[in-house]
Amino acid sequence: MTRRYRFPDGFLWGAATSAYQIEGSPLADGAGPSIWQRFAHTPGMMANGDHGDVACDHYRRYKDDVRLMHALGLQSYRFSVNWARVLPEGTGRVNVQGLDFYSRLVDELLEHGIAPNVTLFHWDLPAALDDRGGWLNRDSAHWFAEYAQTLFKALDDRVPQWTTLNEPWVVVDGGYLRGALAPGHRNLYEAPIAAHNLMRASGAGIQAYRAHGRHAIGVVFNIEPKYPASDSADDLAATRRAHAYMNLQFADPALLGSYPPELREVYGAAWPDFPADDFRLTRQPVDFVGLNYYTRAVVRHDADALPLRAAPVYQPHRTHTETGWEVYEQGLVDMLTGFRQRYGEIPLYITENGAAFYDPPVVEGEVLDDPLRTDYLRRHLRAAHRAIEAGVNLKGYYAWSLLDNLEWSLGYAKRFGLYHVDFATQRRTPKASAKLYARVIASHGEALGEA
C-alpha cells in the first residue's frame, strides 16, 4: 500500500532566505555597512573573493522573486532584515529608505497571499556596532531592543510572525571562536560572552515585542543531533559535551533559564560566572521555536580537538552533500522529539532544511534536474510527517533556500536553492526539487506518497 502523508490542517508551507545572502546593494539608499560587508571585502576571507554586493539582486528584483514564491504555492516567506539598512549606525537615526524597502516587500507578499515571517538578526550586525564591541558589549541587548522596536512599530500591523535571532551558535562558533565567519575573531574567552549577550538581546527583543506587538515572536536555533561513535565512556562524554555546546548552549538559557553544566568542561577557565538576573532576561516566554536541521554528527573523543575534545566521525557508504554533510533524515525526527522531551509542548517550526548539491548546466526553457536535492527534500518531509505522528507539535516547514545564493564564506559555489540562479545574468530557473515542493504544498503532503 502507498503510505499517506497528509499533514494537519493549518500546517504552514514556506521557504527561507537571509538578507546578506540574496539582497545585494548592501550600501544602497543610505544603508550602513555590516560586519559581513566588511568581512567579505577583507582579502582571503571569502572563497574565490566572492561578496554580497550583487548576490541575487533581490533588493531590486524582489517583485519577480515574490512571483516565484507564488508560483510555488508558498504560504509563508521567511526573510531577514539587514539591521544596518534600517539603522545605519546600529542605533539612533532611522534610514527611511531602507525601512521602506522591507515595507514594500511585506506589501508585495501580502498581495500574493504569502505571510511574511521576519527574522531580525541573521548574522549581519552593523559595522558601527562592531566597532563598539559588537556582541562582546553588554549594551548590545539594548541596541537590539531599539532596533527591534523600530521594526515592530513599522511592520507589525502586517507581519504575523517574528524571529529575534537565527542560529546564534553559528555566530559564536564561526565568528568569535574559529574566525571563519564575520567578525572573524578567534578567541575562546570571547565566545561565551558573545553567546550570553546574544541570548540577552533575544530576550530584550521579545520584551520589546510584548510592549508593542500583537502577533507571535520566537527564536531560531540550529540543532545537530549527536550520536556516540561507541559505547565507551570517553565517546559518551564527548557526545554530551558536543550536544551541550551546539544544541543546548542557546536553547537552555532561552527556555530553561540556565546553562548546561557541560559548558564549564568545554570552556574551562574561559567560562565566566554570569549574573543571576540575566536569566530573567534570557528566559522570556516565546510563542514558538524555529529549528534548523541539515545533518547529524557521530562523535568520538579526541583530546586534540579543542575546546570540545570531541570530533565528528565520517560515515562512509552514505550520501553526503557538497558541504560534506551526511544525508540522515532520521536525525530530523530525533531532533524534534528530543526537543519536545527537554522543553515541553512549545509550537515548533522547521525553519531551515535543505542541501547543496552539484547542479547540471541550465538548458533554457527546461526545468533543471536535481535528483539528489529532490530526494533529500522528499526524505526530510516524510521525516517531518513521522515526527508529527510521534506527537511533535510541528506547525510548519520552510525549505532552505528559495534561491541559490551566497553561502557565506564558501561563496557562490554551494547551491541550496529551489531555483537556480545564473549570477551573471540573474536568470532564475526552477529545479525539479521546486516542482516536487509545489506538488507537496498543493496536495498538503499527499504528493510525498508518490513513488
Protein backbone atom coordinates (compact mmCIF):
# COMPACT_ATOMS: atom_id res chain seq x y z
CA MET A 1 0.00 0.00 0.00
CA THR A 2 1.09 3.58 -0.64
CA ARG A 3 1.58 5.43 2.63
CA ARG A 4 -0.39 8.66 3.12
CA TYR A 5 1.47 11.79 4.14
CA ARG A 6 -1.37 14.20 4.70
CA PHE A 7 -0.22 17.00 7.02
CA PRO A 8 -2.50 18.56 9.66
CA ASP A 9 -4.87 21.34 8.68
CA GLY A 10 -3.18 24.72 9.12
CA PHE A 11 0.32 23.35 8.58
CA LEU A 12 2.35 26.19 7.06
CA TRP A 13 4.47 25.69 3.93
CA GLY A 14 7.25 28.17 3.28
CA ALA A 15 10.78 28.88 2.09
CA ALA A 16 13.55 30.92 3.68
CA THR A 17 16.40 33.30 2.75
CA SER A 18 18.57 35.87 4.51
CA ALA A 19 19.39 39.48 3.71
CA TYR A 20 23.13 39.44 3.01
CA GLN A 21 22.89 36.20 1.06
CA ILE A 22 20.38 37.43 -1.52
CA GLU A 23 19.70 41.16 -1.41
CA GLY A 24 22.78 42.74 -2.96
CA SER A 25 23.05 46.57 -2.94
CA PRO A 26 24.26 46.45 0.68
CA LEU A 27 25.12 50.17 0.80
CA ALA A 28 22.28 51.46 -1.38
CA ASP A 29 19.93 54.27 -0.39
CA GLY A 30 21.71 55.31 2.78
CA ALA A 31 22.41 51.88 4.30
CA GLY A 32 25.41 51.47 6.56
CA PRO A 33 27.98 48.67 6.24
CA SER A 34 27.53 45.44 8.15
CA ILE A 35 30.20 43.13 9.54
CA TRP A 36 29.58 40.86 6.56
CA GLN A 37 30.14 43.70 4.11
CA ARG A 38 33.44 44.37 5.89
CA PHE A 39 34.41 40.68 6.21
CA ALA A 40 33.59 39.85 2.57
CA HIS A 41 35.85 42.65 1.35
CA THR A 42 38.76 41.56 3.56
CA PRO A 43 41.25 39.70 1.33
CA GLY A 44 41.46 35.97 1.96
CA MET A 45 38.27 35.61 3.95
CA MET A 46 35.87 34.50 1.18
CA ALA A 47 36.16 31.65 -1.31
CA ASN A 48 37.06 32.96 -4.76
CA GLY A 49 36.95 36.52 -3.46
CA ASP A 50 33.13 36.40 -3.54
CA HIS A 51 30.99 39.00 -1.77
CA GLY A 52 27.38 40.11 -1.46
CA ASP A 53 27.49 43.34 -3.46
CA VAL A 54 25.06 41.91 -6.03
CA ALA A 55 24.22 38.41 -4.76
CA CYS A 56 20.75 37.59 -6.17
CA ASP A 57 19.94 41.28 -6.68
CA HIS A 58 16.79 40.71 -4.64
CA TYR A 59 16.85 44.34 -3.45
CA ARG A 60 15.88 45.36 -6.99
CA ARG A 61 14.15 42.17 -8.16
CA TYR A 62 12.01 41.37 -5.13
CA LYS A 63 8.74 41.61 -7.08
CA ASP A 64 9.92 38.98 -9.54
CA ASP A 65 11.03 36.77 -6.67
CA VAL A 66 7.66 37.08 -4.95
CA ARG A 67 6.08 35.87 -8.17
CA LEU A 68 8.34 32.80 -7.99
CA MET A 69 7.12 32.19 -4.45
CA HIS A 70 3.54 32.49 -5.60
CA ALA A 71 4.20 30.01 -8.42
CA LEU A 72 5.47 27.52 -5.83
CA GLY A 73 2.32 27.99 -3.79
CA LEU A 74 4.21 29.24 -0.73
CA GLN A 75 2.01 30.22 2.18
CA SER A 76 4.81 31.96 4.07
CA TYR A 77 8.19 33.52 3.29
CA ARG A 78 10.87 33.75 5.95
CA PHE A 79 13.40 36.54 5.33
CA SER A 80 15.73 38.65 7.42
CA VAL A 81 16.28 42.38 7.73
CA ASN A 82 19.67 43.99 7.23
CA TRP A 83 19.94 45.91 10.51
CA ALA A 84 22.32 48.50 9.01
CA ARG A 85 19.91 49.14 6.14
CA VAL A 86 17.37 50.38 8.70
CA LEU A 87 19.72 51.87 11.32
CA PRO A 88 22.99 52.74 9.54
CA GLU A 89 24.82 53.39 12.81
CA GLY A 90 23.06 50.49 14.55
CA THR A 91 21.15 52.82 16.88
CA GLY A 92 19.64 56.28 16.63
CA ARG A 93 18.84 57.62 13.16
CA VAL A 94 16.38 55.56 11.09
CA ASN A 95 17.10 55.30 7.37
CA VAL A 96 13.60 55.74 5.95
CA GLN A 97 14.55 54.45 2.50
CA GLY A 98 15.93 51.24 3.95
CA LEU A 99 12.89 50.66 6.12
CA ASP A 100 10.65 51.37 3.13
CA PHE A 101 12.23 48.50 1.18
CA TYR A 102 11.03 46.00 3.76
CA SER A 103 7.63 47.66 3.93
CA ARG A 104 7.26 47.30 0.16
CA LEU A 105 8.41 43.67 0.32
CA VAL A 106 5.83 42.90 3.01
CA ASP A 107 3.08 44.53 0.95
CA GLU A 108 4.09 42.59 -2.15
CA LEU A 109 3.99 39.32 -0.24
CA LEU A 110 0.56 40.06 1.18
CA GLU A 111 -0.77 40.96 -2.26
CA HIS A 112 0.20 37.45 -3.36
CA GLY A 113 -1.32 35.77 -0.31
CA ILE A 114 2.06 34.98 1.32
CA ALA A 115 2.52 35.58 5.05
CA PRO A 116 5.76 37.39 5.96
CA ASN A 117 7.93 35.77 8.65
CA VAL A 118 10.61 38.31 9.61
CA THR A 119 13.95 37.45 11.21
CA LEU A 120 15.51 40.45 12.92
CA PHE A 121 19.09 39.16 13.04
CA HIS A 122 20.62 36.71 10.59
CA TRP A 123 24.29 37.45 11.33
CA ASP A 124 24.77 40.89 9.68
CA LEU A 125 25.48 43.15 12.67
CA PRO A 126 26.05 46.81 11.72
CA ALA A 127 29.78 47.51 11.46
CA ALA A 128 29.29 50.63 13.59
CA LEU A 129 28.18 48.42 16.49
CA ASP A 130 31.05 46.01 15.96
CA ASP A 131 33.34 49.00 16.39
CA ARG A 132 31.75 49.42 19.83
CA GLY A 133 32.47 45.80 20.78
CA GLY A 134 29.63 44.06 18.99
CA TRP A 135 28.22 41.10 20.90
CA LEU A 136 31.01 41.41 23.49
CA ASN A 137 29.40 44.63 24.75
CA ARG A 138 26.58 44.15 27.27
CA ASP A 139 24.87 47.17 25.74
CA SER A 140 24.20 45.00 22.68
CA ALA A 141 20.96 43.80 24.29
CA HIS A 142 19.72 47.40 24.43
CA TRP A 143 20.88 48.10 20.87
CA PHE A 144 18.95 45.10 19.65
CA ALA A 145 15.79 46.06 21.55
CA GLU A 146 15.87 49.54 20.00
CA TYR A 147 16.32 48.08 16.52
CA ALA A 148 13.57 45.50 17.09
CA GLN A 149 11.17 48.14 18.34
CA THR A 150 11.77 50.19 15.18
CA LEU A 151 10.74 47.22 13.02
CA PHE A 152 7.75 46.31 15.19
CA LYS A 153 6.33 49.82 15.01
CA ALA A 154 6.73 49.93 11.24
CA LEU A 155 5.64 46.43 10.21
CA ASP A 156 3.82 44.53 12.95
CA ASP A 157 0.45 45.63 11.58
CA ARG A 158 1.23 43.41 8.56
CA VAL A 159 3.72 40.81 9.84
CA PRO A 160 2.16 37.88 11.74
CA GLN A 161 5.40 36.16 12.77
CA TRP A 162 8.75 37.42 14.04
CA THR A 163 12.05 35.80 14.98
CA THR A 164 14.68 37.50 17.13
CA LEU A 165 17.85 35.57 16.22
CA ASN A 166 18.74 32.97 13.63
CA GLU A 167 21.31 30.36 14.67
CA PRO A 168 23.25 32.22 17.37
CA TRP A 169 25.54 29.17 17.66
CA VAL A 170 26.92 29.84 14.17
CA VAL A 171 27.54 33.50 15.04
CA VAL A 172 29.58 32.48 18.08
CA ASP A 173 31.38 29.38 16.81
CA GLY A 174 32.21 30.81 13.39
CA GLY A 175 32.55 34.47 14.27
CA TYR A 176 34.15 34.54 17.71
CA LEU A 177 35.83 31.17 18.25
CA ARG A 178 37.08 29.89 14.88
CA GLY A 179 37.24 33.08 12.80
CA ALA A 180 35.73 31.54 9.65
CA LEU A 181 32.76 33.93 9.65
CA ALA A 182 32.25 37.60 10.44
CA PRO A 183 33.55 39.31 12.50
CA GLY A 184 36.45 36.85 12.18
CA HIS A 185 37.63 36.56 15.80
CA ARG A 186 39.49 33.56 17.23
CA ASN A 187 39.22 33.80 20.99
CA LEU A 188 37.95 31.14 23.40
CA TYR A 189 37.37 33.75 26.10
CA GLU A 190 35.17 35.86 23.85
CA ALA A 191 32.87 33.03 22.73
CA PRO A 192 30.78 32.52 25.90
CA ILE A 193 30.44 36.27 26.41
CA ALA A 194 29.15 36.77 22.87
CA ALA A 195 26.80 33.80 23.27
CA HIS A 196 25.37 35.17 26.51
CA ASN A 197 24.84 38.65 25.13
CA LEU A 198 23.09 37.24 22.07
CA MET A 199 20.59 35.50 24.33
CA ARG A 200 20.17 38.63 26.45
CA ALA A 201 19.47 40.50 23.23
CA SER A 202 16.89 37.95 22.16
CA GLY A 203 15.15 38.31 25.50
CA ALA A 204 15.22 42.10 25.26
CA GLY A 205 13.74 41.89 21.76
CA ILE A 206 10.91 39.68 22.99
CA GLN A 207 10.24 42.10 25.86
CA ALA A 208 10.02 44.94 23.34
CA TYR A 209 7.56 42.92 21.29
CA ARG A 210 5.32 42.24 24.29
CA ALA A 211 5.06 46.00 24.75
CA HIS A 212 4.06 46.76 21.15
CA GLY A 213 3.39 43.56 19.18
CA ARG A 214 0.11 41.84 18.51
CA HIS A 215 1.05 38.54 16.86
CA ALA A 216 3.79 35.94 17.51
CA ILE A 217 7.50 36.02 18.24
CA GLY A 218 10.09 33.30 18.73
CA VAL A 219 13.73 32.39 18.23
CA VAL A 220 15.51 30.01 15.83
CA PHE A 221 18.23 27.51 16.75
CA ASN A 222 20.23 25.16 14.56
CA ILE A 223 20.20 21.69 16.06
CA GLU A 224 22.50 18.86 15.01
CA PRO A 225 21.77 15.57 16.82
CA LYS A 226 24.88 13.95 18.26
CA TYR A 227 25.36 10.18 18.34
CA PRO A 228 28.31 8.46 20.08
CA ALA A 229 30.73 6.55 17.87
CA SER A 230 30.88 3.80 20.50
CA ASP A 231 29.65 2.94 23.99
CA SER A 232 33.00 3.84 25.56
CA ALA A 233 32.90 6.28 28.47
CA ASP A 234 35.14 8.70 26.57
CA ASP A 235 32.94 8.75 23.48
CA LEU A 236 29.76 9.15 25.54
CA ALA A 237 31.28 12.06 27.46
CA ALA A 238 32.49 13.66 24.22
CA THR A 239 29.00 13.35 22.78
CA ARG A 240 27.48 15.04 25.83
CA ARG A 241 29.93 17.95 25.51
CA ALA A 242 29.26 18.32 21.79
CA HIS A 243 25.49 18.23 22.39
CA ALA A 244 25.66 20.82 25.16
CA TYR A 245 27.93 23.11 23.14
CA MET A 246 25.90 23.14 19.94
CA ASN A 247 22.36 22.21 20.90
CA LEU A 248 21.84 23.39 24.49
CA GLN A 249 24.09 26.44 24.86
CA PHE A 250 21.42 28.75 23.45
CA ALA A 251 18.14 26.90 23.90
CA ASP A 252 18.66 26.27 27.63
CA PRO A 253 19.05 29.93 28.71
CA ALA A 254 16.14 30.89 26.46
CA LEU A 255 13.76 28.15 27.58
CA LEU A 256 15.05 26.93 30.96
CA GLY A 257 16.90 29.99 32.29
CA SER A 258 20.21 28.21 32.85
CA TYR A 259 23.24 26.71 31.13
CA PRO A 260 24.05 23.00 30.92
CA PRO A 261 26.92 22.04 33.27
CA GLU A 262 28.97 20.55 30.42
CA LEU A 263 29.80 24.07 29.20
CA ARG A 264 32.20 24.53 32.12
CA GLU A 265 34.05 21.47 30.84
CA VAL A 266 34.10 22.84 27.31
CA TYR A 267 35.29 26.37 28.11
CA GLY A 268 37.37 25.67 31.21
CA ALA A 269 38.96 28.83 32.57
CA ALA A 270 37.23 30.85 29.85
CA TRP A 271 33.78 30.16 31.33
CA PRO A 272 32.55 33.25 33.24
CA ASP A 273 30.01 33.46 36.05
CA PHE A 274 27.02 35.34 34.71
CA PRO A 275 24.72 37.48 36.91
CA ALA A 276 21.64 35.55 38.02
CA ASP A 277 19.41 38.44 36.96
CA ASP A 278 20.49 37.91 33.35
CA PHE A 279 18.49 34.71 33.15
CA ARG A 280 15.27 36.56 33.88
CA LEU A 281 16.00 38.42 30.66
CA THR A 282 17.10 35.44 28.55
CA ARG A 283 14.09 33.35 29.59
CA GLN A 284 11.21 35.22 28.01
CA PRO A 285 8.00 33.40 27.01
CA VAL A 286 8.06 32.58 23.29
CA ASP A 287 5.14 31.79 21.00
CA PHE A 288 7.16 29.28 19.00
CA VAL A 289 10.67 27.99 18.39
CA GLY A 290 12.18 27.51 14.94
CA LEU A 291 14.63 24.66 14.41
CA ASN A 292 17.07 24.43 11.51
CA TYR A 293 18.21 20.94 10.55
CA TYR A 294 20.71 19.81 7.93
CA THR A 295 22.62 16.77 9.21
CA ARG A 296 23.77 14.78 12.23
CA ALA A 297 27.18 14.13 13.81
CA VAL A 298 28.63 10.85 15.02
CA VAL A 299 31.08 11.83 17.77
CA ARG A 300 34.25 10.33 19.21
CA HIS A 301 36.61 11.51 21.90
CA ASP A 302 39.61 13.43 20.57
CA ALA A 303 41.89 15.09 23.12
CA ASP A 304 43.39 17.35 20.44
CA ALA A 305 40.05 18.71 19.15
CA LEU A 306 39.78 21.71 21.44
CA PRO A 307 37.80 23.04 23.16
CA LEU A 308 35.29 20.17 22.92
CA ARG A 309 37.75 17.27 22.98
CA ALA A 310 35.29 15.72 20.55
CA ALA A 311 35.44 15.15 16.80
CA PRO A 312 32.94 14.02 14.17
CA VAL A 313 33.42 10.63 12.54
CA TYR A 314 32.89 10.49 8.78
CA GLN A 315 30.20 8.00 7.79
CA PRO A 316 31.23 6.04 4.67
CA HIS A 317 28.73 4.47 2.30
CA ARG A 318 26.31 7.34 2.89
CA THR A 319 25.24 10.20 0.64
CA HIS A 320 26.99 13.47 1.51
CA THR A 321 26.14 16.95 0.27
CA GLU A 322 28.56 19.38 -1.40
CA THR A 323 29.21 20.87 2.02
CA GLY A 324 30.26 17.43 3.31
CA TRP A 325 27.14 16.87 5.39
CA GLU A 326 25.71 13.37 5.67
CA VAL A 327 22.13 12.93 4.47
CA TYR A 328 20.39 11.46 7.51
CA GLU A 329 16.68 12.22 7.69
CA GLN A 330 16.09 10.22 10.89
CA GLY A 331 18.09 12.94 12.62
CA LEU A 332 15.23 15.35 11.92
CA VAL A 333 12.80 13.08 13.79
CA ASP A 334 15.27 12.64 16.64
CA MET A 335 15.85 16.40 16.83
CA LEU A 336 12.15 17.23 17.03
CA THR A 337 11.22 14.52 19.51
CA GLY A 338 14.28 15.25 21.67
CA PHE A 339 13.49 18.96 21.75
CA ARG A 340 9.95 18.21 22.85
CA GLN A 341 11.17 15.91 25.62
CA ARG A 342 13.52 18.54 27.03
CA TYR A 343 11.47 21.72 26.63
CA GLY A 344 7.83 20.63 26.54
CA GLU A 345 4.96 21.38 24.20
CA ILE A 346 6.24 24.54 22.54
CA PRO A 347 4.92 25.01 18.98
CA LEU A 348 7.77 24.19 16.61
CA TYR A 349 8.61 25.08 13.03
CA ILE A 350 11.30 23.62 10.81
CA THR A 351 12.67 27.00 9.75
CA GLU A 352 15.51 25.73 7.53
CA ASN A 353 16.12 22.39 5.85
CA GLY A 354 17.91 21.81 2.57
CA ALA A 355 21.03 20.63 0.80
CA ALA A 356 23.76 21.84 -1.53
CA PHE A 357 24.39 19.52 -4.47
CA TYR A 358 26.04 19.94 -7.83
CA ASP A 359 23.59 21.20 -10.45
CA PRO A 360 23.99 20.38 -14.15
CA PRO A 361 24.17 23.15 -16.75
CA VAL A 362 20.94 25.04 -17.36
CA VAL A 363 19.08 24.44 -20.61
CA GLU A 364 16.87 27.41 -21.38
CA GLY A 365 13.18 26.64 -21.15
CA GLU A 366 13.67 23.42 -19.22
CA VAL A 367 13.42 22.50 -15.55
CA LEU A 368 16.85 21.78 -14.09
CA ASP A 369 17.09 18.18 -12.92
CA ASP A 370 18.47 17.88 -9.36
CA PRO A 371 17.69 14.32 -8.25
CA LEU A 372 19.80 14.35 -5.08
CA ARG A 373 18.24 17.55 -3.73
CA THR A 374 14.78 16.32 -4.72
CA ASP A 375 15.40 13.06 -2.86
CA TYR A 376 16.72 14.98 0.17
CA LEU A 377 13.59 17.13 0.24
CA ARG A 378 11.25 14.16 -0.08
CA ARG A 379 13.05 12.17 2.63
CA HIS A 380 13.05 15.03 5.12
CA LEU A 381 9.44 16.00 4.53
CA ARG A 382 8.45 12.39 5.16
CA ALA A 383 10.55 12.50 8.33
CA ALA A 384 8.72 15.65 9.43
CA HIS A 385 5.44 13.78 8.98
CA ARG A 386 6.76 10.91 11.13
CA ALA A 387 7.62 13.41 13.87
CA ILE A 388 4.05 14.74 13.82
CA GLU A 389 2.77 11.17 14.11
CA ALA A 390 5.06 10.78 17.14
CA GLY A 391 3.30 13.69 18.83
CA VAL A 392 5.51 16.65 17.97
CA ASN A 393 3.61 19.95 17.77
CA LEU A 394 5.08 20.84 14.39
CA LYS A 395 3.35 23.80 12.78
CA GLY A 396 5.23 24.37 9.54
CA TYR A 397 8.20 23.76 7.26
CA TYR A 398 10.48 26.25 5.47
CA ALA A 399 12.76 24.93 2.73
CA TRP A 400 16.26 26.36 2.56
CA SER A 401 16.56 28.05 0.25
CA LEU A 402 14.27 29.74 -2.21
CA LEU A 403 17.24 30.77 -4.38
CA ASP A 404 20.83 29.75 -4.93
CA ASN A 405 22.71 32.42 -3.01
CA LEU A 406 25.92 33.48 -1.30
CA GLU A 407 26.75 30.63 1.06
CA TRP A 408 28.64 32.97 3.37
CA SER A 409 32.43 32.46 3.32
CA LEU A 410 32.00 29.50 0.92
CA GLY A 411 30.91 31.93 -1.79
CA TYR A 412 28.58 31.08 -4.64
CA ALA A 413 29.80 27.56 -5.37
CA LYS A 414 27.43 25.82 -2.92
CA ARG A 415 23.90 25.85 -4.28
CA PHE A 416 20.96 25.23 -1.94
CA GLY A 417 18.20 26.83 -4.00
CA LEU A 418 14.89 25.52 -5.25
CA TYR A 419 15.55 27.97 -8.08
CA HIS A 420 18.87 28.02 -9.89
CA VAL A 421 20.40 31.48 -10.20
CA ASP A 422 22.77 32.42 -13.01
CA PHE A 423 24.74 35.07 -11.14
CA ALA A 424 26.00 36.65 -14.36
CA THR A 425 22.52 37.25 -15.82
CA GLN A 426 20.35 36.87 -12.67
CA ARG A 427 18.12 34.46 -14.59
CA ARG A 428 16.13 32.15 -12.27
CA THR A 429 15.40 28.58 -13.42
CA PRO A 430 13.18 26.18 -11.47
CA LYS A 431 14.67 22.89 -10.36
CA ALA A 432 12.91 19.55 -10.13
CA SER A 433 13.03 19.97 -6.34
CA ALA A 434 10.92 23.12 -6.71
CA LYS A 435 8.39 21.22 -8.78
CA LEU A 436 8.19 18.48 -6.14
CA TYR A 437 7.76 21.05 -3.38
CA ALA A 438 4.98 22.76 -5.31
CA ARG A 439 3.15 19.42 -5.63
CA VAL A 440 3.64 18.72 -1.92
CA ILE A 441 2.19 22.12 -0.99
CA ALA A 442 -0.74 21.80 -3.38
CA SER A 443 -1.59 18.31 -2.05
CA HIS A 444 -0.85 19.21 1.60
CA GLY A 445 1.74 16.48 1.66
CA GLU A 446 -0.04 13.75 -0.29
CA ALA A 447 2.49 14.01 -3.16
CA LEU A 448 5.11 12.55 -0.80
CA GLY A 449 3.42 9.20 -1.31
CA GLU A 450 4.40 9.18 -4.98
CA ALA A 451 6.94 6.56 -5.98
